[in-house]
Amino acid sequence: MDHKTVEDYILSMPNSRLDYPFGEGVGVYKTGDKMFALISEDKKPLQISLKCDPQLAITLREKYETVLEGYHLNKKHWNTILLTGQLPWEEVQGLILHSYNLVAGI
């Protein structure tokens, strides 16, 4: 998964936008004023942090070694995913949508 593919999918969410409140290198994707995804743009492999239901977050961390507690985020509600290919793109898309829905209140 490359940065452009991931970013294009994130920005396809209604009313989503990219911001850099933490400076260059950390893309923050928001709907309204709430963030639902962060991408560490200078990391290899690409890393994305997503909001997640707390129980699902634990399950994903136990199942995949590339799903970690949210880096510099609330560990209960955020996961950081190393996009190495361990999680199929379709599953990553589902987790992005899950994060968006949690933040958007859908």
Protein backbone atom coordinates (compact mmCIF):
# COMPACT_ATOMS: atom_id res chain seq x y z
CA MET A 1 0.00 0.00 0.00
CA ASP A 2 1.42 3.34 -0.97
CA HIS A 3 0.74 6.73 0.57
CA LYS A 4 -1.27 8.06 -2.38
CA THR A 5 -3.64 5.05 -2.44
CA VAL A 6 -4.28 5.33 1.31
CA GLU A 7 -4.69 9.10 1.21
CA ASP A 8 -7.05 9.00 -1.78
CA TYR A 9 -9.28 6.53 0.07
CA ILE A 10 -9.27 8.62 3.26
CA LEU A 11 -10.12 11.80 1.38
CA SER A 12 -13.01 10.03 -0.38
CA MET A 13 -14.92 10.11 2.93
CA PRO A 14 -17.59 12.85 3.00
CA ASN A 15 -16.32 16.19 4.32
CA SER A 16 -12.83 14.83 5.00
CA ARG A 17 -9.80 17.07 4.71
CA LEU A 18 -6.06 17.01 5.28
CA ASP A 19 -4.37 19.25 7.85
CA TYR A 20 -0.87 19.57 9.35
CA PRO A 21 -1.42 20.83 12.93
CA PHE A 22 1.70 18.98 14.15
CA GLY A 23 3.93 20.26 11.34
CA GLU A 24 5.16 18.63 8.16
CA GLY A 25 5.48 14.88 8.10
CA VAL A 26 2.30 14.03 10.02
CA GLY A 27 -0.82 14.26 7.90
CA VAL A 28 -3.96 14.60 10.02
CA TYR A 29 -7.24 13.71 8.34
CA LYS A 30 -10.36 15.26 9.80
CA THR A 31 -14.06 15.39 9.34
CA GLY A 32 -15.29 18.66 10.76
CA ASP A 33 -12.86 19.51 13.56
CA LYS A 34 -12.28 15.90 14.63
CA MET A 35 -9.40 13.76 13.44
CA PHE A 36 -10.02 10.20 12.35
CA ALA A 37 -6.68 9.27 10.77
CA LEU A 38 -3.04 10.26 11.01
CA ILE A 39 -0.30 9.21 8.62
CA SER A 40 3.38 9.41 9.53
CA GLU A 41 4.52 10.38 6.05
CA ASP A 42 8.26 9.84 6.52
CA LYS A 43 8.05 6.35 8.04
CA LYS A 44 8.91 3.13 6.22
CA PRO A 45 6.73 1.14 6.19
CA LEU A 46 3.90 3.64 6.00
CA GLN A 47 2.09 4.00 9.36
CA ILE A 48 -1.51 5.02 9.87
CA SER A 49 -3.24 5.69 13.18
CA LEU A 50 -6.99 5.16 13.36
CA LYS A 51 -9.64 5.54 16.01
CA CYS A 52 -11.13 2.18 16.98
CA ASP A 53 -13.73 0.65 19.25
CA PRO A 54 -11.75 -0.32 22.38
CA GLN A 55 -12.65 -4.02 22.30
CA LEU A 56 -11.92 -4.30 18.58
CA ALA A 57 -8.62 -2.47 19.15
CA ILE A 58 -7.50 -5.15 21.60
CA THR A 59 -8.61 -7.96 19.28
CA LEU A 60 -6.67 -6.49 16.36
CA ARG A 61 -3.52 -6.04 18.46
CA GLU A 62 -3.70 -9.66 19.58
CA LYS A 63 -4.28 -10.94 16.05
CA TYR A 64 -1.73 -8.85 14.10
CA GLU A 65 1.81 -7.96 15.09
CA THR A 66 1.59 -4.87 12.84
CA VAL A 67 -1.32 -3.38 14.83
CA LEU A 68 0.02 -1.46 17.82
CA GLU A 69 -1.34 0.85 20.50
CA GLY A 70 -1.84 4.34 19.10
CA TYR A 71 1.50 6.14 18.89
CA HIS A 72 1.26 9.35 20.97
CA LEU A 73 -2.52 8.86 21.13
CA ASN A 74 -5.06 7.49 23.61
CA LYS A 75 -4.06 3.81 23.76
CA LYS A 76 -7.61 2.70 24.53
CA HIS A 77 -9.21 4.31 21.47
CA TRP A 78 -6.45 4.43 18.83
CA ASN A 79 -4.36 1.88 16.94
CA THR A 80 -1.28 2.50 14.82
CA ILE A 81 -1.05 0.11 11.89
CA LEU A 82 2.20 -0.62 10.08
CA LEU A 83 1.18 -1.03 6.44
CA THR A 84 3.45 -3.96 5.62
CA GLY A 85 0.81 -6.01 3.82
CA GLN A 86 0.01 -8.22 6.83
CA LEU A 87 -3.49 -6.70 6.81
CA PRO A 88 -5.10 -6.89 3.38
CA TRP A 89 -5.99 -3.54 1.79
CA GLU A 90 -9.70 -4.35 2.10
CA GLU A 91 -9.34 -4.75 5.87
CA VAL A 92 -7.38 -1.50 6.15
CA GLN A 93 -10.16 0.23 4.18
CA GLY A 94 -12.72 -1.20 6.62
CA LEU A 95 -10.73 0.12 9.59
CA ILE A 96 -10.45 3.57 7.99
CA LEU A 97 -14.22 3.59 7.46
CA HIS A 98 -14.75 2.37 11.05
CA SER A 99 -12.61 5.24 12.37
CA TYR A 100 -14.43 7.78 10.20
CA ASN A 101 -17.82 6.50 11.35
CA LEU A 102 -16.82 6.68 15.03
CA VAL A 103 -15.69 10.27 14.68
CA ALA A 104 -18.53 11.38 12.40
CA GLY A 105 -21.08 9.80 14.71
CA ILE A 106 -22.52 7.52 12.03
